[in-house]
Amino acid sequence: MPRPVVMGLAEMSRGDDIWRCFDTFDPVNHARDRDQADTYRVEPYVAAADIYDEGQLTGRGGWT
């Protein structure tokens, strides 16, 4: 997650929003079970640079 976003939210005392953002960007959350891992198809311990959102590849991670 971009540091300026975290710092801005922290300055506004928005801890819940920081956690929600982290939870969204955390790659582990894209592969919590076998079906999700088969869809995501990239390493669940690194962030994908992009995730497809249309067509047959929806949910699949791009390059890491």
N, C-alpha and C. Protein backbone atom coordinates (compact mmCIF):
# COMPACT_ATOMS: atom_id res chain seq x y z
N MET A 1 0.85 -1.16 0.00
CA MET A 1 0.00 0.00 0.00
C MET A 1 0.90 1.23 0.00
N PRO A 2 0.56 2.21 -0.80
CA PRO A 2 1.40 3.42 -0.87
C PRO A 2 1.52 4.10 0.49
N ARG A 3 2.73 4.42 0.86
CA ARG A 3 3.01 5.02 2.16
C ARG A 3 2.23 6.32 2.40
N PRO A 4 2.10 7.22 1.39
CA PRO A 4 1.34 8.46 1.64
C PRO A 4 -0.10 8.19 2.06
N VAL A 5 -0.71 7.15 1.52
CA VAL A 5 -2.08 6.82 1.89
C VAL A 5 -2.13 6.43 3.36
N VAL A 6 -1.23 5.56 3.77
CA VAL A 6 -1.19 5.11 5.16
C VAL A 6 -0.94 6.28 6.09
N MET A 7 0.02 7.11 5.74
CA MET A 7 0.35 8.25 6.59
C MET A 7 -0.82 9.22 6.70
N GLY A 8 -1.50 9.47 5.59
CA GLY A 8 -2.65 10.36 5.61
C GLY A 8 -3.77 9.82 6.48
N LEU A 9 -4.05 8.54 6.33
CA LEU A 9 -5.10 7.94 7.15
C LEU A 9 -4.70 7.93 8.63
N ALA A 10 -3.42 7.69 8.90
CA ALA A 10 -2.95 7.69 10.29
C ALA A 10 -3.08 9.07 10.91
N GLU A 11 -2.75 10.10 10.14
CA GLU A 11 -2.87 11.46 10.65
C GLU A 11 -4.31 11.83 10.98
N MET A 12 -5.24 11.19 10.29
CA MET A 12 -6.66 11.44 10.55
C MET A 12 -7.23 10.45 11.56
N SER A 13 -6.37 9.64 12.17
CA SER A 13 -6.79 8.64 13.17
C SER A 13 -7.81 7.67 12.61
N ARG A 14 -7.60 7.24 11.36
CA ARG A 14 -8.54 6.32 10.70
C ARG A 14 -7.94 4.91 10.62
N GLY A 15 -7.69 4.35 11.78
CA GLY A 15 -7.08 3.02 11.88
C GLY A 15 -7.87 1.93 11.19
N ASP A 16 -9.20 1.99 11.29
CA ASP A 16 -10.03 0.98 10.63
C ASP A 16 -9.85 1.04 9.11
N ASP A 17 -9.71 2.24 8.56
CA ASP A 17 -9.51 2.37 7.12
C ASP A 17 -8.12 1.87 6.71
N ILE A 18 -7.13 2.11 7.56
CA ILE A 18 -5.79 1.58 7.27
C ILE A 18 -5.86 0.06 7.21
N TRP A 19 -6.51 -0.54 8.17
CA TRP A 19 -6.61 -2.00 8.20
C TRP A 19 -7.38 -2.51 6.97
N ARG A 20 -8.46 -1.84 6.59
CA ARG A 20 -9.25 -2.25 5.43
C ARG A 20 -8.41 -2.18 4.15
N CYS A 21 -7.62 -1.12 4.01
CA CYS A 21 -6.73 -1.00 2.84
C CYS A 21 -5.69 -2.11 2.83
N PHE A 22 -5.07 -2.35 3.98
CA PHE A 22 -4.07 -3.41 4.07
C PHE A 22 -4.69 -4.74 3.71
N ASP A 23 -5.88 -5.00 4.24
CA ASP A 23 -6.57 -6.26 3.99
C ASP A 23 -6.85 -6.44 2.50
N THR A 24 -7.18 -5.35 1.82
CA THR A 24 -7.45 -5.39 0.38
C THR A 24 -6.19 -5.70 -0.43
N PHE A 25 -5.07 -5.08 -0.04
CA PHE A 25 -3.83 -5.24 -0.80
C PHE A 25 -3.01 -6.46 -0.40
N ASP A 26 -3.29 -7.07 0.74
CA ASP A 26 -2.52 -8.21 1.22
C ASP A 26 -2.73 -9.39 0.27
N PRO A 27 -1.67 -9.85 -0.40
CA PRO A 27 -1.83 -10.92 -1.39
C PRO A 27 -2.35 -12.22 -0.80
N VAL A 28 -2.11 -12.46 0.47
CA VAL A 28 -2.60 -13.69 1.09
C VAL A 28 -4.11 -13.78 1.00
N ASN A 29 -4.79 -12.64 1.05
CA ASN A 29 -6.25 -12.65 1.01
C ASN A 29 -6.81 -13.04 -0.35
N HIS A 30 -5.98 -13.14 -1.37
CA HIS A 30 -6.45 -13.56 -2.69
C HIS A 30 -6.30 -15.06 -2.88
N ALA A 31 -5.74 -15.76 -1.90
CA ALA A 31 -5.50 -17.20 -2.05
C ALA A 31 -5.69 -17.91 -0.71
N ARG A 32 -6.80 -17.67 -0.06
CA ARG A 32 -7.05 -18.26 1.26
C ARG A 32 -7.44 -19.73 1.20
N ASP A 33 -7.94 -20.19 0.07
CA ASP A 33 -8.26 -21.61 -0.06
C ASP A 33 -7.85 -22.07 -1.46
N ARG A 34 -8.00 -23.35 -1.72
CA ARG A 34 -7.53 -23.93 -2.99
C ARG A 34 -8.18 -23.28 -4.21
N ASP A 35 -9.50 -23.06 -4.15
CA ASP A 35 -10.20 -22.45 -5.29
C ASP A 35 -9.68 -21.04 -5.57
N GLN A 36 -9.50 -20.24 -4.52
CA GLN A 36 -8.97 -18.88 -4.71
C GLN A 36 -7.55 -18.93 -5.25
N ALA A 37 -6.74 -19.83 -4.73
CA ALA A 37 -5.35 -19.95 -5.19
C ALA A 37 -5.31 -20.37 -6.66
N ASP A 38 -6.20 -21.27 -7.05
CA ASP A 38 -6.25 -21.69 -8.46
C ASP A 38 -6.67 -20.55 -9.37
N THR A 39 -7.50 -19.65 -8.87
CA THR A 39 -7.91 -18.48 -9.65
C THR A 39 -6.80 -17.44 -9.71
N TYR A 40 -6.23 -17.10 -8.55
CA TYR A 40 -5.20 -16.05 -8.45
C TYR A 40 -3.95 -16.42 -9.24
N ARG A 41 -3.48 -17.66 -9.10
CA ARG A 41 -2.41 -18.27 -9.88
C ARG A 41 -1.05 -17.59 -9.83
N VAL A 42 -0.81 -16.74 -8.89
CA VAL A 42 0.53 -16.19 -8.69
C VAL A 42 0.90 -16.41 -7.22
N GLU A 43 2.12 -16.15 -6.88
CA GLU A 43 2.58 -16.40 -5.52
C GLU A 43 1.73 -15.62 -4.52
N PRO A 44 1.16 -16.29 -3.52
CA PRO A 44 0.31 -15.59 -2.55
C PRO A 44 1.11 -14.80 -1.52
N TYR A 45 2.42 -14.79 -1.62
CA TYR A 45 3.24 -14.07 -0.64
C TYR A 45 3.86 -12.81 -1.23
N VAL A 46 3.50 -12.47 -2.46
CA VAL A 46 3.94 -11.22 -3.08
C VAL A 46 2.73 -10.53 -3.70
N ALA A 47 2.77 -9.24 -3.81
CA ALA A 47 1.66 -8.50 -4.40
C ALA A 47 1.75 -8.53 -5.92
N ALA A 48 0.66 -8.85 -6.56
CA ALA A 48 0.60 -8.80 -8.01
C ALA A 48 0.49 -7.35 -8.44
N ALA A 49 1.12 -7.01 -9.55
CA ALA A 49 1.07 -5.65 -10.05
C ALA A 49 -0.31 -5.33 -10.60
N ASP A 50 -1.03 -6.35 -11.02
CA ASP A 50 -2.37 -6.15 -11.53
C ASP A 50 -3.17 -7.43 -11.32
N ILE A 51 -4.48 -7.29 -11.26
CA ILE A 51 -5.38 -8.43 -11.14
C ILE A 51 -6.48 -8.23 -12.18
N TYR A 52 -6.67 -9.23 -13.02
CA TYR A 52 -7.67 -9.13 -14.07
C TYR A 52 -9.07 -9.00 -13.47
N ASP A 53 -9.92 -8.19 -14.11
CA ASP A 53 -11.27 -8.01 -13.58
C ASP A 53 -12.35 -8.26 -14.62
N GLU A 54 -11.97 -8.80 -15.78
CA GLU A 54 -12.97 -9.09 -16.81
C GLU A 54 -12.62 -10.38 -17.53
N GLY A 55 -13.63 -11.02 -18.07
CA GLY A 55 -13.42 -12.19 -18.91
C GLY A 55 -13.02 -13.44 -18.14
N GLN A 56 -12.44 -14.39 -18.86
CA GLN A 56 -12.07 -15.67 -18.28
C GLN A 56 -11.00 -15.56 -17.21
N LEU A 57 -10.21 -14.50 -17.22
CA LEU A 57 -9.11 -14.37 -16.28
C LEU A 57 -9.47 -13.57 -15.03
N THR A 58 -10.73 -13.25 -14.83
CA THR A 58 -11.15 -12.47 -13.67
C THR A 58 -10.61 -13.08 -12.38
N GLY A 59 -9.93 -12.25 -11.58
CA GLY A 59 -9.37 -12.69 -10.32
C GLY A 59 -7.96 -13.19 -10.41
N ARG A 60 -7.43 -13.40 -11.62
CA ARG A 60 -6.07 -13.91 -11.77
C ARG A 60 -5.08 -12.76 -11.63
N GLY A 61 -4.01 -13.04 -10.91
CA GLY A 61 -2.96 -12.05 -10.76
C GLY A 61 -2.15 -11.93 -12.04
N GLY A 62 -1.66 -10.73 -12.28
CA GLY A 62 -0.79 -10.50 -13.43
C GLY A 62 0.65 -10.73 -13.05
N TRP A 63 1.54 -9.88 -13.50
CA TRP A 63 2.95 -10.07 -13.17
C TRP A 63 3.22 -9.65 -11.73
N THR A 64 4.19 -10.31 -11.12
CA THR A 64 4.50 -10.06 -9.71
C THR A 64 5.90 -9.51 -9.56
